[in-house]
Amino acid sequence: MYAAREKYPTYPKLVVPEFAKMTYIGTAGVNNEGIINEAPYPGMTADILDDHFYDANYKRSK
């Protein structure tokens, strides 16, 4: 394997100079039916991304 690594070309190596927003997802608990408990509604994605969907204890804000 090491000989092949030195002998043959490898995939292109490219460093992508981009950054992403990282979000911490805490522990919501086992069998927590409040996490996925309804069908999506218009604006749900925006509420989640703007931190208006759950409070600090993973309870619905609304």
Foldseek 3Di string as FASTA:
>chain_A
DVVCPVPDDDDDDDDDPDDDDDDDDDDLDPPPCQQPPDDDDPCPVVCVVVVQQADPNRHGND
